[in-house]
Amino acid sequence: MKNTFENIDEYILLFPEIENKLKELRKIIRDQDSEIKEYIGYQMPAFRYRNKPLVYFAGYKKHIGFYPGAEGIKKFLPEFTIKKYKFSKGAVQFPLSEKIPEDLICSIVQFRMQEIRNKKS
């Protein structure tokens, strides 16, 4: 799959109506650890930790898709259910009509980082 943009800044420019929310989400993720690096994966903003995929996100018309992988979804199912977020095996949808759930995102990113640290290469 060929990238149609070079970096996350270019991706965010595709969504002027939610630019601030995407920038906020990006900052929340990046602020978790200095080892987190950005890239574009599967045509989405993506982040690596210790050279392993960490999380992805994507802008949509009515929500922001957040992709922490199957284990990241499983671990936080109770919170998604309480907040009535739509979710699937590997993704959760944060409605644009609500604030970005910073505490939840921090918890998910920290969980994923711990998974990566615990995984034997």
C-alpha atoms as a PDB file:
ATOM      1  CA  MET A   1       0.000   0.000   0.000  1.00  0.00           C
ATOM      2  CA  LYS A   2       1.511   3.291  -1.106  1.00  0.00           C
ATOM      3  CA  ASN A   3       1.357   6.242   1.283  1.00  0.00           C
ATOM      4  CA  THR A   4      -0.428   9.298  -0.011  1.00  0.00           C
ATOM      5  CA  PHE A   5       1.216  11.486   2.620  1.00  0.00           C
ATOM      6  CA  GLU A   6       4.672  11.587   4.146  1.00  0.00           C
ATOM      7  CA  ASN A   7       3.958  12.214   7.827  1.00  0.00           C
ATOM      8  CA  ILE A   8       1.319  12.762  10.495  1.00  0.00           C
ATOM      9  CA  ASP A   9       1.260  16.531   9.887  1.00  0.00           C
ATOM     10  CA  GLU A  10       0.185  15.931   6.278  1.00  0.00           C
ATOM     11  CA  TYR A  11      -2.445  13.433   7.430  1.00  0.00           C
ATOM     12  CA  ILE A  12      -3.928  15.883   9.951  1.00  0.00           C
ATOM     13  CA  LEU A  13      -4.226  18.540   7.222  1.00  0.00           C
ATOM     14  CA  LEU A  14      -6.739  16.240   5.504  1.00  0.00           C
ATOM     15  CA  PHE A  15      -9.138  16.833   8.423  1.00  0.00           C
ATOM     16  CA  PRO A  16      -9.341  20.594   9.057  1.00  0.00           C
ATOM     17  CA  GLU A  17     -12.658  20.260  10.926  1.00  0.00           C
ATOM     18  CA  ILE A  18     -11.077  17.980  13.576  1.00  0.00           C
ATOM     19  CA  GLU A  19      -7.465  19.135  13.336  1.00  0.00           C
ATOM     20  CA  ASN A  20      -7.321  20.194  16.994  1.00  0.00           C
ATOM     21  CA  LYS A  21      -8.665  16.855  18.253  1.00  0.00           C
ATOM     22  CA  LEU A  22      -6.180  14.892  16.131  1.00  0.00           C
ATOM     23  CA  LYS A  23      -3.305  17.087  17.349  1.00  0.00           C
ATOM     24  CA  GLU A  24      -4.454  16.608  20.942  1.00  0.00           C
ATOM     25  CA  LEU A  25      -4.583  12.828  20.535  1.00  0.00           C
ATOM     26  CA  ARG A  26      -1.136  12.828  18.937  1.00  0.00           C
ATOM     27  CA  LYS A  27       0.286  14.848  21.843  1.00  0.00           C
ATOM     28  CA  ILE A  28      -1.313  12.590  24.461  1.00  0.00           C
ATOM     29  CA  ILE A  29       0.311   9.551  22.850  1.00  0.00           C
ATOM     30  CA  ARG A  30       3.726  11.181  22.323  1.00  0.00           C
ATOM     31  CA  ASP A  31       3.830  12.540  25.885  1.00  0.00           C
ATOM     32  CA  GLN A  32       3.717   9.013  27.346  1.00  0.00           C
ATOM     33  CA  ASP A  33       7.384   8.269  26.676  1.00  0.00           C
ATOM     34  CA  SER A  34      10.343   9.789  24.833  1.00  0.00           C
ATOM     35  CA  GLU A  35      10.931   6.436  23.090  1.00  0.00           C
ATOM     36  CA  ILE A  36       7.615   6.679  21.208  1.00  0.00           C
ATOM     37  CA  LYS A  37       8.256   7.401  17.527  1.00  0.00           C
ATOM     38  CA  GLU A  38       5.817   8.417  14.793  1.00  0.00           C
ATOM     39  CA  TYR A  39       5.326   6.870  11.387  1.00  0.00           C
ATOM     40  CA  ILE A  40       2.571   6.232   8.850  1.00  0.00           C
ATOM     41  CA  GLY A  41       1.206   2.694   8.838  1.00  0.00           C
ATOM     42  CA  TYR A  42      -1.805   1.354   6.953  1.00  0.00           C
ATOM     43  CA  GLN A  43      -2.423   4.930   5.715  1.00  0.00           C
ATOM     44  CA  MET A  44      -2.876   6.124   9.325  1.00  0.00           C
ATOM     45  CA  PRO A  45      -0.863   7.978  11.939  1.00  0.00           C
ATOM     46  CA  ALA A  46       1.006   5.301  13.830  1.00  0.00           C
ATOM     47  CA  PHE A  47       3.389   5.078  16.765  1.00  0.00           C
ATOM     48  CA  ARG A  48       6.189   2.684  17.653  1.00  0.00           C
ATOM     49  CA  TYR A  49       7.677   1.886  21.005  1.00  0.00           C
ATOM     50  CA  ARG A  50      10.994   0.035  21.101  1.00  0.00           C
ATOM     51  CA  ASN A  51      10.622  -0.499  17.338  1.00  0.00           C
ATOM     52  CA  LYS A  52       7.308  -2.344  17.807  1.00  0.00           C
ATOM     53  CA  PRO A  53       3.875  -1.048  16.688  1.00  0.00           C
ATOM     54  CA  LEU A  54       2.156   0.648  19.623  1.00  0.00           C
ATOM     55  CA  VAL A  55      -1.112   2.318  18.498  1.00  0.00           C
ATOM     56  CA  TYR A  56      -2.695   3.904  15.422  1.00  0.00           C
ATOM     57  CA  PHE A  57      -5.456   6.461  14.947  1.00  0.00           C
ATOM     58  CA  ALA A  58      -7.572   7.750  12.073  1.00  0.00           C
ATOM     59  CA  GLY A  59      -9.987  10.590  11.448  1.00  0.00           C
ATOM     60  CA  TYR A  60     -13.538   9.964  10.234  1.00  0.00           C
ATOM     61  CA  LYS A  61     -16.657  12.044   9.697  1.00  0.00           C
ATOM     62  CA  LYS A  62     -18.236  11.315  13.105  1.00  0.00           C
ATOM     63  CA  HIS A  63     -15.461   9.760  15.182  1.00  0.00           C
ATOM     64  CA  ILE A  64     -11.761   9.166  15.654  1.00  0.00           C
ATOM     65  CA  GLY A  65     -10.745   5.548  15.307  1.00  0.00           C
ATOM     66  CA  PHE A  66      -8.149   4.390  17.822  1.00  0.00           C
ATOM     67  CA  TYR A  67      -6.348   1.104  17.192  1.00  0.00           C
ATOM     68  CA  PRO A  68      -4.500  -0.429  20.178  1.00  0.00           C
ATOM     69  CA  GLY A  69      -4.741  -4.023  18.933  1.00  0.00           C
ATOM     70  CA  ALA A  70      -6.868  -6.891  20.179  1.00  0.00           C
ATOM     71  CA  GLU A  71      -5.334  -7.097  23.669  1.00  0.00           C
ATOM     72  CA  GLY A  72      -5.646  -3.338  24.124  1.00  0.00           C
ATOM     73  CA  ILE A  73      -9.339  -3.574  23.293  1.00  0.00           C
ATOM     74  CA  LYS A  74      -9.950  -6.618  25.497  1.00  0.00           C
ATOM     75  CA  LYS A  75      -8.310  -5.030  28.541  1.00  0.00           C
ATOM     76  CA  PHE A  76     -10.464  -1.876  28.356  1.00  0.00           C
ATOM     77  CA  LEU A  77     -13.829  -3.372  27.342  1.00  0.00           C
ATOM     78  CA  PRO A  78     -15.505  -2.357  30.629  1.00  0.00           C
ATOM     79  CA  GLU A  79     -14.561   1.313  30.138  1.00  0.00           C
ATOM     80  CA  PHE A  80     -15.704   1.265  26.490  1.00  0.00           C
ATOM     81  CA  THR A  81     -19.021  -0.250  27.536  1.00  0.00           C
ATOM     82  CA  ILE A  82     -19.602   2.257  30.346  1.00  0.00           C
ATOM     83  CA  LYS A  83     -18.859   5.193  28.028  1.00  0.00           C
ATOM     84  CA  LYS A  84     -20.947   3.581  25.251  1.00  0.00           C
ATOM     85  CA  TYR A  85     -18.092   3.700  22.745  1.00  0.00           C
ATOM     86  CA  LYS A  86     -18.454   1.546  19.648  1.00  0.00           C
ATOM     87  CA  PHE A  87     -15.631  -0.982  19.413  1.00  0.00           C
ATOM     88  CA  SER A  88     -14.501  -4.049  17.528  1.00  0.00           C
ATOM     89  CA  LYS A  89     -11.772  -6.648  17.965  1.00  0.00           C
ATOM     90  CA  GLY A  90      -8.952  -4.146  17.329  1.00  0.00           C
ATOM     91  CA  ALA A  91     -10.478  -0.654  17.377  1.00  0.00           C
ATOM     92  CA  VAL A  92     -12.529   1.776  19.430  1.00  0.00           C
ATOM     93  CA  GLN A  93     -14.396   4.852  18.194  1.00  0.00           C
ATOM     94  CA  PHE A  94     -14.202   8.146  20.066  1.00  0.00           C
ATOM     95  CA  PRO A  95     -17.175  10.305  18.986  1.00  0.00           C
ATOM     96  CA  LEU A  96     -16.285  13.783  17.720  1.00  0.00           C
ATOM     97  CA  SER A  97     -19.149  15.174  19.811  1.00  0.00           C
ATOM     98  CA  GLU A  98     -17.214  14.340  23.000  1.00  0.00           C
ATOM     99  CA  LYS A  99     -13.894  15.416  24.474  1.00  0.00           C
ATOM    100  CA  ILE A 100     -10.871  13.220  23.790  1.00  0.00           C
ATOM    101  CA  PRO A 101     -10.743  10.740  26.740  1.00  0.00           C
ATOM    102  CA  GLU A 102      -7.196  11.610  27.800  1.00  0.00           C
ATOM    103  CA  ASP A 103      -7.029   9.408  30.906  1.00  0.00           C
ATOM    104  CA  LEU A 104      -8.320   6.388  29.009  1.00  0.00           C
ATOM    105  CA  ILE A 105      -5.893   6.922  26.126  1.00  0.00           C
ATOM    106  CA  CYS A 106      -2.983   7.273  28.566  1.00  0.00           C
ATOM    107  CA  SER A 107      -4.005   4.022  30.261  1.00  0.00           C
ATOM    108  CA  ILE A 108      -4.275   2.186  26.948  1.00  0.00           C
ATOM    109  CA  VAL A 109      -0.893   3.460  25.722  1.00  0.00           C
ATOM    110  CA  GLN A 110       0.752   2.544  29.040  1.00  0.00           C
ATOM    111  CA  PHE A 111      -0.813  -0.927  28.841  1.00  0.00           C
ATOM    112  CA  ARG A 112       0.495  -1.401  25.282  1.00  0.00           C
ATOM    113  CA  MET A 113       3.982  -0.226  26.304  1.00  0.00           C
ATOM    114  CA  GLN A 114       3.981  -2.759  29.138  1.00  0.00           C
ATOM    115  CA  GLU A 115       2.910  -5.479  26.692  1.00  0.00           C
ATOM    116  CA  ILE A 116       5.848  -4.604  24.442  1.00  0.00           C
ATOM    117  CA  ARG A 117       8.302  -4.585  27.365  1.00  0.00           C
ATOM    118  CA  ASN A 118       7.030  -7.986  28.530  1.00  0.00           C
ATOM    119  CA  LYS A 119       7.106  -9.604  25.096  1.00  0.00           C
ATOM    120  CA  LYS A 120      10.113 -11.737  24.278  1.00  0.00           C
ATOM    121  CA  SER A 121      11.453 -10.902  20.820  1.00  0.00           C
END
